Amino acid sequence: MKDNPNVLALIGSYPSEIRDCLLTIRTMILEIATQRDDIGALEETLKWGEASYVTTRPKTGTTIRIDRDKSGAGDVALFVSCQSSLVSDWRGMFPELVYGGDRSVHFSLAKPLPENALRQMILMALTYHTAKRAAAKPRA
């Protein structure tokens, strides 16, 4: 994946604590995408003014967006499509985290990032379409 200068400029425009947290999450997304053969190529872009990561060739996952949290629920947030079941699944797996409806999970800079949970959530998002297709196949 090529770094997108517009994404890096957006992240770089934030205060250092928010910038560093978003860069940590970005690094996790990129690492997970490159460490797994079952994840399609990743594209970094801006969607709705937020850093966005989408799988291409093949489309294995749903778009992940990360940004400063403007809702007040935390300091940074990770967003996925509200049409997906991901946030509902995450609520069951990680009830201690803070969620925004069916589309986001929020993190406070006052607490360490829950890295294991976050890695699992990123993996689930990057393989969302593959997992849905596999679940829909009838078993013999």
C-alpha atoms as a PDB file:
ATOM      1  CA  MET A   1       0.000   0.000   0.000  1.00  0.00           C
ATOM      2  CA  LYS A   2       1.176   3.507  -0.804  1.00  0.00           C
ATOM      3  CA  ASP A   3       1.015   6.120   1.945  1.00  0.00           C
ATOM      4  CA  ASN A   4      -1.597   8.728   1.128  1.00  0.00           C
ATOM      5  CA  PRO A   5      -0.126  12.210   1.733  1.00  0.00           C
ATOM      6  CA  ASN A   6      -3.599  13.680   2.353  1.00  0.00           C
ATOM      7  CA  VAL A   7      -4.259  11.135   5.107  1.00  0.00           C
ATOM      8  CA  LEU A   8      -0.865  11.727   6.686  1.00  0.00           C
ATOM      9  CA  ALA A   9      -1.426  15.508   6.540  1.00  0.00           C
ATOM     10  CA  LEU A  10      -4.810  15.154   8.260  1.00  0.00           C
ATOM     11  CA  ILE A  11      -3.404  12.975  11.034  1.00  0.00           C
ATOM     12  CA  GLY A  12      -0.384  15.272  11.343  1.00  0.00           C
ATOM     13  CA  SER A  13      -2.657  18.292  11.866  1.00  0.00           C
ATOM     14  CA  TYR A  14      -3.977  16.977  15.201  1.00  0.00           C
ATOM     15  CA  PRO A  15      -2.501  17.604  18.659  1.00  0.00           C
ATOM     16  CA  SER A  16       0.390  15.239  19.407  1.00  0.00           C
ATOM     17  CA  GLU A  17      -1.508  12.857  21.729  1.00  0.00           C
ATOM     18  CA  ILE A  18      -4.323  12.333  19.206  1.00  0.00           C
ATOM     19  CA  ARG A  19      -1.879  12.139  16.288  1.00  0.00           C
ATOM     20  CA  ASP A  20       0.229   9.501  18.067  1.00  0.00           C
ATOM     21  CA  CYS A  21      -2.817   7.392  18.957  1.00  0.00           C
ATOM     22  CA  LEU A  22      -4.179   7.538  15.389  1.00  0.00           C
ATOM     23  CA  LEU A  23      -0.749   6.614  14.009  1.00  0.00           C
ATOM     24  CA  THR A  24      -0.636   3.622  16.376  1.00  0.00           C
ATOM     25  CA  ILE A  25      -4.039   2.429  15.123  1.00  0.00           C
ATOM     26  CA  ARG A  26      -2.979   3.082  11.506  1.00  0.00           C
ATOM     27  CA  THR A  27       0.155   0.978  12.054  1.00  0.00           C
ATOM     28  CA  MET A  28      -1.971  -1.866  13.453  1.00  0.00           C
ATOM     29  CA  ILE A  29      -4.249  -1.755  10.403  1.00  0.00           C
ATOM     30  CA  LEU A  30      -1.298  -1.832   7.999  1.00  0.00           C
ATOM     31  CA  GLU A  31       0.487  -4.614   9.906  1.00  0.00           C
ATOM     32  CA  ILE A  32      -2.575  -6.847  10.075  1.00  0.00           C
ATOM     33  CA  ALA A  33      -3.335  -6.288   6.391  1.00  0.00           C
ATOM     34  CA  THR A  34       0.180  -7.265   5.312  1.00  0.00           C
ATOM     35  CA  GLN A  35       0.592 -10.197   7.713  1.00  0.00           C
ATOM     36  CA  ARG A  36      -2.440 -12.116   6.459  1.00  0.00           C
ATOM     37  CA  ASP A  37      -2.770 -13.767   3.052  1.00  0.00           C
ATOM     38  CA  ASP A  38      -6.563 -13.807   3.359  1.00  0.00           C
ATOM     39  CA  ILE A  39      -6.802  -9.998   3.313  1.00  0.00           C
ATOM     40  CA  GLY A  40      -7.004  -8.177   0.005  1.00  0.00           C
ATOM     41  CA  ALA A  41      -4.715  -5.319  -0.980  1.00  0.00           C
ATOM     42  CA  LEU A  42      -5.280  -2.251   1.174  1.00  0.00           C
ATOM     43  CA  GLU A  43      -5.927   1.281  -0.040  1.00  0.00           C
ATOM     44  CA  GLU A  44      -5.522   4.352   2.188  1.00  0.00           C
ATOM     45  CA  THR A  45      -7.763   7.283   1.326  1.00  0.00           C
ATOM     46  CA  LEU A  46      -9.902  10.054   2.809  1.00  0.00           C
ATOM     47  CA  LYS A  47     -13.639   9.356   3.171  1.00  0.00           C
ATOM     48  CA  TRP A  48     -15.893  11.886   4.871  1.00  0.00           C
ATOM     49  CA  GLY A  49     -12.751  13.754   5.890  1.00  0.00           C
ATOM     50  CA  GLU A  50     -11.426  10.752   7.834  1.00  0.00           C
ATOM     51  CA  ALA A  51      -8.466   8.418   7.301  1.00  0.00           C
ATOM     52  CA  SER A  52      -9.960   5.349   5.599  1.00  0.00           C
ATOM     53  CA  TYR A  53      -8.675   1.874   4.822  1.00  0.00           C
ATOM     54  CA  VAL A  54     -10.441  -0.352   2.330  1.00  0.00           C
ATOM     55  CA  THR A  55      -9.510  -3.744   0.933  1.00  0.00           C
ATOM     56  CA  THR A  56      -9.330  -4.083  -2.847  1.00  0.00           C
ATOM     57  CA  ARG A  57      -8.482  -6.948  -5.184  1.00  0.00           C
ATOM     58  CA  PRO A  58     -10.227  -8.903  -3.646  1.00  0.00           C
ATOM     59  CA  LYS A  59     -12.716  -6.978  -1.506  1.00  0.00           C
ATOM     60  CA  THR A  60     -12.323  -9.035   1.666  1.00  0.00           C
ATOM     61  CA  GLY A  61     -13.356  -6.457   4.231  1.00  0.00           C
ATOM     62  CA  THR A  62     -15.412  -3.417   5.011  1.00  0.00           C
ATOM     63  CA  THR A  63     -13.973   0.086   5.160  1.00  0.00           C
ATOM     64  CA  ILE A  64     -12.304   1.113   8.417  1.00  0.00           C
ATOM     65  CA  ARG A  65     -12.158   4.828   9.221  1.00  0.00           C
ATOM     66  CA  ILE A  66     -10.195   6.403  12.062  1.00  0.00           C
ATOM     67  CA  ASP A  67     -10.304   9.961  13.312  1.00  0.00           C
ATOM     68  CA  ARG A  68     -10.404  12.326  16.250  1.00  0.00           C
ATOM     69  CA  ASP A  69     -13.591  11.631  18.185  1.00  0.00           C
ATOM     70  CA  LYS A  70     -15.941  14.559  17.731  1.00  0.00           C
ATOM     71  CA  SER A  71     -18.811  12.910  19.658  1.00  0.00           C
ATOM     72  CA  GLY A  72     -17.374  13.369  23.139  1.00  0.00           C
ATOM     73  CA  ALA A  73     -17.446   9.600  23.806  1.00  0.00           C
ATOM     74  CA  GLY A  74     -13.646   9.440  23.675  1.00  0.00           C
ATOM     75  CA  ASP A  75     -10.639  11.099  22.089  1.00  0.00           C
ATOM     76  CA  VAL A  76     -10.253   8.918  18.979  1.00  0.00           C
ATOM     77  CA  ALA A  77     -12.658   6.570  17.227  1.00  0.00           C
ATOM     78  CA  LEU A  78     -12.651   3.669  14.802  1.00  0.00           C
ATOM     79  CA  PHE A  79     -15.650   3.556  12.453  1.00  0.00           C
ATOM     80  CA  VAL A  80     -17.112   0.802  10.265  1.00  0.00           C
ATOM     81  CA  SER A  81     -20.251   0.603   8.147  1.00  0.00           C
ATOM     82  CA  CYS A  82     -23.402   0.738  10.256  1.00  0.00           C
ATOM     83  CA  GLN A  83     -24.844  -1.833   7.831  1.00  0.00           C
ATOM     84  CA  SER A  84     -22.359  -4.420   9.105  1.00  0.00           C
ATOM     85  CA  SER A  85     -22.807  -6.566  12.212  1.00  0.00           C
ATOM     86  CA  LEU A  86     -19.302  -5.743  13.429  1.00  0.00           C
ATOM     87  CA  VAL A  87     -20.075  -3.325  16.257  1.00  0.00           C
ATOM     88  CA  SER A  88     -22.783  -5.649  17.551  1.00  0.00           C
ATOM     89  CA  ASP A  89     -20.295  -8.529  17.485  1.00  0.00           C
ATOM     90  CA  TRP A  90     -17.652  -6.394  19.222  1.00  0.00           C
ATOM     91  CA  ARG A  91     -20.102  -5.386  21.960  1.00  0.00           C
ATOM     92  CA  GLY A  92     -20.547  -9.057  22.805  1.00  0.00           C
ATOM     93  CA  MET A  93     -16.811  -9.736  22.732  1.00  0.00           C
ATOM     94  CA  PHE A  94     -15.572  -6.556  24.429  1.00  0.00           C
ATOM     95  CA  PRO A  95     -18.420  -5.159  26.586  1.00  0.00           C
ATOM     96  CA  GLU A  96     -16.030  -2.937  28.546  1.00  0.00           C
ATOM     97  CA  LEU A  97     -15.380  -0.672  25.531  1.00  0.00           C
ATOM     98  CA  VAL A  98     -17.369   2.441  24.559  1.00  0.00           C
ATOM     99  CA  TYR A  99     -19.457   2.191  21.375  1.00  0.00           C
ATOM    100  CA  GLY A 100     -21.357   4.696  19.261  1.00  0.00           C
ATOM    101  CA  GLY A 101     -24.488   3.129  17.823  1.00  0.00           C
ATOM    102  CA  ASP A 102     -23.758   0.471  15.210  1.00  0.00           C
ATOM    103  CA  ARG A 103     -20.810   2.219  13.616  1.00  0.00           C
ATOM    104  CA  SER A 104     -18.002   3.056  16.025  1.00  0.00           C
ATOM    105  CA  VAL A 105     -15.826   2.252  18.997  1.00  0.00           C
ATOM    106  CA  HIS A 106     -14.299   5.087  21.011  1.00  0.00           C
ATOM    107  CA  PHE A 107     -11.016   5.297  22.890  1.00  0.00           C
ATOM    108  CA  SER A 108      -9.917   7.699  25.618  1.00  0.00           C
ATOM    109  CA  LEU A 109      -6.345   8.910  25.765  1.00  0.00           C
ATOM    110  CA  ALA A 110      -6.586   8.605  29.562  1.00  0.00           C
ATOM    111  CA  LYS A 111      -6.477   4.807  29.218  1.00  0.00           C
ATOM    112  CA  PRO A 112      -4.052   2.569  27.316  1.00  0.00           C
ATOM    113  CA  LEU A 113      -5.345   1.367  23.952  1.00  0.00           C
ATOM    114  CA  PRO A 114      -6.817  -2.133  24.328  1.00  0.00           C
ATOM    115  CA  GLU A 115      -4.391  -3.478  21.728  1.00  0.00           C
ATOM    116  CA  ASN A 116      -5.509  -7.123  21.722  1.00  0.00           C
ATOM    117  CA  ALA A 117      -9.174  -6.178  21.357  1.00  0.00           C
ATOM    118  CA  LEU A 118      -8.335  -3.547  18.755  1.00  0.00           C
ATOM    119  CA  ARG A 119      -6.291  -6.015  16.694  1.00  0.00           C
ATOM    120  CA  GLN A 120      -9.199  -8.480  16.762  1.00  0.00           C
ATOM    121  CA  MET A 121     -11.645  -5.767  15.679  1.00  0.00           C
ATOM    122  CA  ILE A 122      -9.376  -4.654  12.829  1.00  0.00           C
ATOM    123  CA  LEU A 123      -8.943  -8.251  11.641  1.00  0.00           C
ATOM    124  CA  MET A 124     -12.700  -8.799  11.715  1.00  0.00           C
ATOM    125  CA  ALA A 125     -13.290  -5.624   9.687  1.00  0.00           C
ATOM    126  CA  LEU A 126     -10.594  -6.469   7.106  1.00  0.00           C
ATOM    127  CA  THR A 127     -12.101  -9.955   6.584  1.00  0.00           C
ATOM    128  CA  TYR A 128     -15.784  -9.037   7.032  1.00  0.00           C
ATOM    129  CA  HIS A 129     -16.967  -9.859   3.482  1.00  0.00           C
ATOM    130  CA  THR A 130     -14.945 -13.085   3.340  1.00  0.00           C
ATOM    131  CA  ALA A 131     -16.445 -14.237   6.650  1.00  0.00           C
ATOM    132  CA  LYS A 132     -19.984 -13.345   5.512  1.00  0.00           C
ATOM    133  CA  ARG A 133     -19.547 -15.316   2.272  1.00  0.00           C
ATOM    134  CA  ALA A 134     -18.175 -18.318   4.174  1.00  0.00           C
ATOM    135  CA  ALA A 135     -21.084 -18.239   6.643  1.00  0.00           C
ATOM    136  CA  ALA A 136     -23.608 -18.068   3.789  1.00  0.00           C
ATOM    137  CA  LYS A 137     -22.281 -21.185   2.022  1.00  0.00           C
ATOM    138  CA  PRO A 138     -24.412 -24.269   2.675  1.00  0.00           C
ATOM    139  CA  ARG A 139     -22.548 -27.038   4.432  1.00  0.00           C
ATOM    140  CA  ALA A 140     -22.414 -30.442   2.802  1.00  0.00           C
END
